[in-house]
Every structure is written in structure tokens, then in C-alpha cells.
N, C-alpha and C. Protein backbone atom coordinates (compact mmCIF):
# COMPACT_ATOMS: atom_id res chain seq x y z
N MET A 1 105.07 116.37 95.44
CA MET A 1 105.16 114.92 95.53
C MET A 1 103.77 114.32 95.35
N ASP A 2 103.70 113.24 94.60
CA ASP A 2 102.43 112.56 94.40
C ASP A 2 101.97 111.94 95.71
N LYS A 3 100.66 111.86 95.85
CA LYS A 3 100.09 111.29 97.06
C LYS A 3 100.09 109.76 96.96
N ASN A 4 100.45 109.11 98.06
CA ASN A 4 100.39 107.65 98.13
C ASN A 4 98.95 107.21 98.27
N THR A 5 98.61 106.14 97.58
CA THR A 5 97.26 105.59 97.71
C THR A 5 97.33 104.11 98.05
N ILE A 6 96.49 103.72 98.98
CA ILE A 6 96.33 102.31 99.31
C ILE A 6 94.89 101.96 98.99
N THR A 7 94.73 101.11 98.01
CA THR A 7 93.41 100.67 97.59
C THR A 7 93.20 99.26 98.10
N ILE A 8 92.02 99.01 98.62
CA ILE A 8 91.70 97.68 99.11
C ILE A 8 90.47 97.18 98.36
N LEU A 9 90.66 96.09 97.62
CA LEU A 9 89.53 95.44 96.96
C LEU A 9 88.90 94.54 98.01
N SER A 10 87.63 94.76 98.27
CA SER A 10 86.96 94.07 99.36
C SER A 10 85.54 93.69 98.95
N PRO A 11 85.01 92.58 99.49
CA PRO A 11 83.63 92.22 99.17
C PRO A 11 82.65 93.28 99.66
N SER A 12 83.04 94.02 100.72
CA SER A 12 82.19 95.06 101.28
C SER A 12 83.04 95.97 102.17
N PRO A 13 82.72 97.27 102.23
CA PRO A 13 83.45 98.15 103.15
C PRO A 13 83.27 97.73 104.62
N ASN A 14 82.22 96.95 104.89
CA ASN A 14 81.95 96.50 106.25
C ASN A 14 82.57 95.15 106.56
N CYS A 15 83.35 94.59 105.65
CA CYS A 15 84.01 93.31 105.86
C CYS A 15 84.95 93.41 107.07
N TRP A 16 84.84 92.49 108.01
CA TRP A 16 85.65 92.56 109.24
C TRP A 16 87.14 92.44 108.94
N LYS A 17 87.49 91.61 107.96
CA LYS A 17 88.90 91.43 107.63
C LYS A 17 89.47 92.71 107.01
N THR A 18 88.70 93.36 106.16
CA THR A 18 89.11 94.63 105.55
C THR A 18 89.31 95.68 106.63
N LYS A 19 88.36 95.79 107.55
CA LYS A 19 88.46 96.78 108.63
C LYS A 19 89.70 96.52 109.48
N LYS A 20 89.98 95.26 109.77
CA LYS A 20 91.14 94.89 110.59
C LYS A 20 92.44 95.29 109.88
N ILE A 21 92.52 95.02 108.57
CA ILE A 21 93.72 95.35 107.79
C ILE A 21 93.90 96.87 107.73
N ILE A 22 92.83 97.61 107.48
CA ILE A 22 92.92 99.08 107.41
C ILE A 22 93.38 99.66 108.74
N THR A 23 92.81 99.17 109.83
CA THR A 23 93.20 99.66 111.16
C THR A 23 94.68 99.42 111.41
N SER A 24 95.14 98.22 111.09
CA SER A 24 96.54 97.86 111.31
C SER A 24 97.49 98.71 110.45
N ILE A 25 97.18 98.83 109.17
CA ILE A 25 98.02 99.63 108.27
C ILE A 25 97.99 101.10 108.68
N SER A 26 96.81 101.61 109.06
CA SER A 26 96.68 103.01 109.47
C SER A 26 97.56 103.33 110.66
N LYS A 27 97.57 102.44 111.65
CA LYS A 27 98.42 102.65 112.83
C LYS A 27 99.89 102.73 112.44
N PHE A 28 100.31 101.83 111.57
CA PHE A 28 101.70 101.82 111.11
C PHE A 28 102.03 103.08 110.32
N ILE A 29 101.15 103.47 109.40
CA ILE A 29 101.36 104.65 108.56
C ILE A 29 101.43 105.91 109.42
N ASP A 30 100.53 106.01 110.41
CA ASP A 30 100.54 107.17 111.30
C ASP A 30 101.84 107.24 112.10
N LYS A 31 102.29 106.08 112.58
CA LYS A 31 103.53 106.02 113.35
C LYS A 31 104.73 106.49 112.51
N GLU A 32 104.71 106.12 111.23
CA GLU A 32 105.80 106.50 110.32
C GLU A 32 105.61 107.90 109.74
N ASN A 33 104.47 108.53 110.06
CA ASN A 33 104.16 109.89 109.60
C ASN A 33 104.19 110.01 108.08
N ILE A 34 103.50 109.10 107.41
CA ILE A 34 103.42 109.08 105.95
C ILE A 34 102.00 109.47 105.54
N ASP A 35 101.89 110.31 104.53
CA ASP A 35 100.59 110.75 104.04
C ASP A 35 100.07 109.73 103.03
N VAL A 36 98.94 109.12 103.37
CA VAL A 36 98.36 108.08 102.52
C VAL A 36 96.86 108.28 102.42
N GLU A 37 96.34 108.02 101.24
CA GLU A 37 94.90 108.07 101.02
C GLU A 37 94.40 106.64 100.85
N PHE A 38 93.39 106.25 101.64
CA PHE A 38 92.81 104.92 101.54
C PHE A 38 91.57 104.94 100.66
N GLU A 39 91.37 103.85 99.94
CA GLU A 39 90.18 103.69 99.10
C GLU A 39 89.75 102.23 99.18
N ILE A 40 88.45 102.02 99.41
CA ILE A 40 87.91 100.66 99.42
C ILE A 40 87.04 100.51 98.18
N ILE A 41 87.31 99.46 97.42
CA ILE A 41 86.54 99.20 96.19
C ILE A 41 85.86 97.84 96.32
N SER A 42 84.57 97.82 96.03
CA SER A 42 83.80 96.58 96.10
C SER A 42 83.15 96.25 94.76
N SER A 43 83.76 96.73 93.69
CA SER A 43 83.20 96.58 92.35
C SER A 43 83.76 95.35 91.64
N LEU A 44 82.88 94.56 91.11
CA LEU A 44 83.27 93.37 90.35
C LEU A 44 84.17 93.75 89.17
N LYS A 45 83.90 94.87 88.52
CA LYS A 45 84.73 95.33 87.40
C LYS A 45 86.18 95.55 87.82
N GLU A 46 86.38 96.09 89.02
CA GLU A 46 87.74 96.31 89.51
C GLU A 46 88.42 94.99 89.85
N PHE A 47 87.68 94.04 90.39
CA PHE A 47 88.26 92.73 90.70
C PHE A 47 88.79 92.11 89.41
N VAL A 48 88.01 92.23 88.34
CA VAL A 48 88.41 91.68 87.05
C VAL A 48 89.62 92.46 86.50
N LYS A 49 89.59 93.78 86.64
CA LYS A 49 90.69 94.62 86.16
C LYS A 49 92.02 94.21 86.80
N TYR A 50 91.98 93.92 88.11
CA TYR A 50 93.20 93.53 88.82
C TYR A 50 93.43 92.02 88.81
N ARG A 51 92.52 91.29 88.16
CA ARG A 51 92.64 89.84 88.01
C ARG A 51 92.82 89.13 89.36
N THR A 52 91.94 89.45 90.29
CA THR A 52 92.01 88.81 91.60
C THR A 52 90.63 88.43 92.11
N TRP A 53 90.57 87.30 92.76
CA TRP A 53 89.34 86.86 93.42
C TRP A 53 89.62 86.59 94.89
N ILE A 54 90.87 86.76 95.30
CA ILE A 54 91.23 86.60 96.71
C ILE A 54 91.08 87.96 97.37
N LEU A 55 90.17 88.04 98.31
CA LEU A 55 89.87 89.33 98.94
C LEU A 55 90.10 89.24 100.45
N PRO A 56 90.45 90.34 101.07
CA PRO A 56 90.78 91.63 100.46
C PRO A 56 92.14 91.60 99.77
N THR A 57 92.24 92.37 98.70
CA THR A 57 93.50 92.54 97.98
C THR A 57 94.01 93.94 98.28
N ILE A 58 95.27 94.04 98.66
CA ILE A 58 95.87 95.33 99.01
C ILE A 58 96.72 95.82 97.84
N ILE A 59 96.41 97.02 97.37
CA ILE A 59 97.11 97.63 96.24
C ILE A 59 97.71 98.94 96.71
N ILE A 60 99.02 99.06 96.59
CA ILE A 60 99.69 100.30 96.98
C ILE A 60 100.25 100.95 95.72
N ASN A 61 99.78 102.17 95.47
CA ASN A 61 100.21 102.93 94.29
C ASN A 61 100.11 102.07 93.02
N ASN A 62 98.95 101.46 92.83
CA ASN A 62 98.61 100.65 91.65
C ASN A 62 99.39 99.36 91.50
N LYS A 63 100.01 98.88 92.57
CA LYS A 63 100.72 97.61 92.53
C LYS A 63 100.16 96.69 93.62
N ILE A 64 99.75 95.49 93.21
CA ILE A 64 99.23 94.52 94.17
C ILE A 64 100.38 94.06 95.07
N VAL A 65 100.19 94.21 96.39
CA VAL A 65 101.23 93.81 97.33
C VAL A 65 100.80 92.66 98.23
N ALA A 66 99.49 92.38 98.31
CA ALA A 66 99.02 91.27 99.13
C ALA A 66 97.60 90.88 98.72
N ARG A 67 97.33 89.59 98.82
CA ARG A 67 95.98 89.07 98.55
C ARG A 67 95.54 88.22 99.73
N GLY A 68 94.53 88.71 100.46
CA GLY A 68 93.96 87.94 101.55
C GLY A 68 94.63 88.14 102.90
N TYR A 69 95.67 88.96 102.96
CA TYR A 69 96.36 89.18 104.23
C TYR A 69 96.97 90.58 104.25
N ARG A 70 97.40 91.02 105.43
CA ARG A 70 98.06 92.32 105.57
C ARG A 70 99.52 92.17 105.19
N PRO A 71 100.01 93.03 104.28
CA PRO A 71 101.42 92.94 103.90
C PRO A 71 102.33 93.37 105.06
N SER A 72 103.56 92.94 105.02
CA SER A 72 104.53 93.31 106.07
C SER A 72 104.80 94.80 106.01
N ASN A 73 105.27 95.35 107.12
CA ASN A 73 105.62 96.77 107.17
C ASN A 73 106.68 97.11 106.13
N GLU A 74 107.64 96.21 105.96
CA GLU A 74 108.70 96.42 104.98
C GLU A 74 108.12 96.51 103.56
N LYS A 75 107.18 95.64 103.25
CA LYS A 75 106.56 95.63 101.93
C LYS A 75 105.75 96.91 101.71
N ILE A 76 105.09 97.38 102.76
CA ILE A 76 104.32 98.62 102.66
C ILE A 76 105.28 99.78 102.36
N ILE A 77 106.32 99.91 103.15
CA ILE A 77 107.28 101.01 102.98
C ILE A 77 107.94 100.97 101.61
N ASN A 78 108.31 99.77 101.15
CA ASN A 78 108.99 99.64 99.85
C ASN A 78 108.11 100.05 98.67
N ASN A 79 106.79 100.02 98.86
CA ASN A 79 105.89 100.36 97.76
C ASN A 79 105.32 101.78 97.85
N LEU A 80 105.66 102.49 98.92
CA LEU A 80 105.22 103.88 99.04
C LEU A 80 106.25 104.80 98.41
N LYS A 81 105.82 105.97 98.00
CA LYS A 81 106.72 106.94 97.35
C LYS A 81 107.48 107.73 98.40
């Protein structure tokens, strides 16, 4: 099975909002016992590639699921493999 990836486009890995979203999603993912790899990207090239300026942007398995907020648990589950 392919590994699930959650990518977060963020102005910085130290951004408080990014940290808060990662912590919240991690708790949910751990509770559901799902294997997920997190990646934080702070590259302007990636922001342009995904055509977003609203940060943090949450991308699950290469699909944008939220811009500027934490997606719902249902939305997270629906986009995981």
C-alpha cells in the first residue's frame, strides 16, 4: 500500500499556526491508527506550483484539502488511502 502524505505549505516550519494544525492532525491520525508522513514546505516555488498564497495550506496525497485552517476529520479520512 502506498504511504499517505500530508504536506503543509507554510511560511516557516516554526509558524505557530502550522505547529497547531500538525499537532491536531497528528493526534487524530494516531487515534485512528493511520500511517502518515508529514512534510512542511516553505518554498516559494511550491506555493506557485500549488497556486496558493493562503497559508498554511494542507495537502493530502497531492490534493489541496484546506487553505488557512485545519480540515475536518471527515475530510482528512476521505482523502487518505
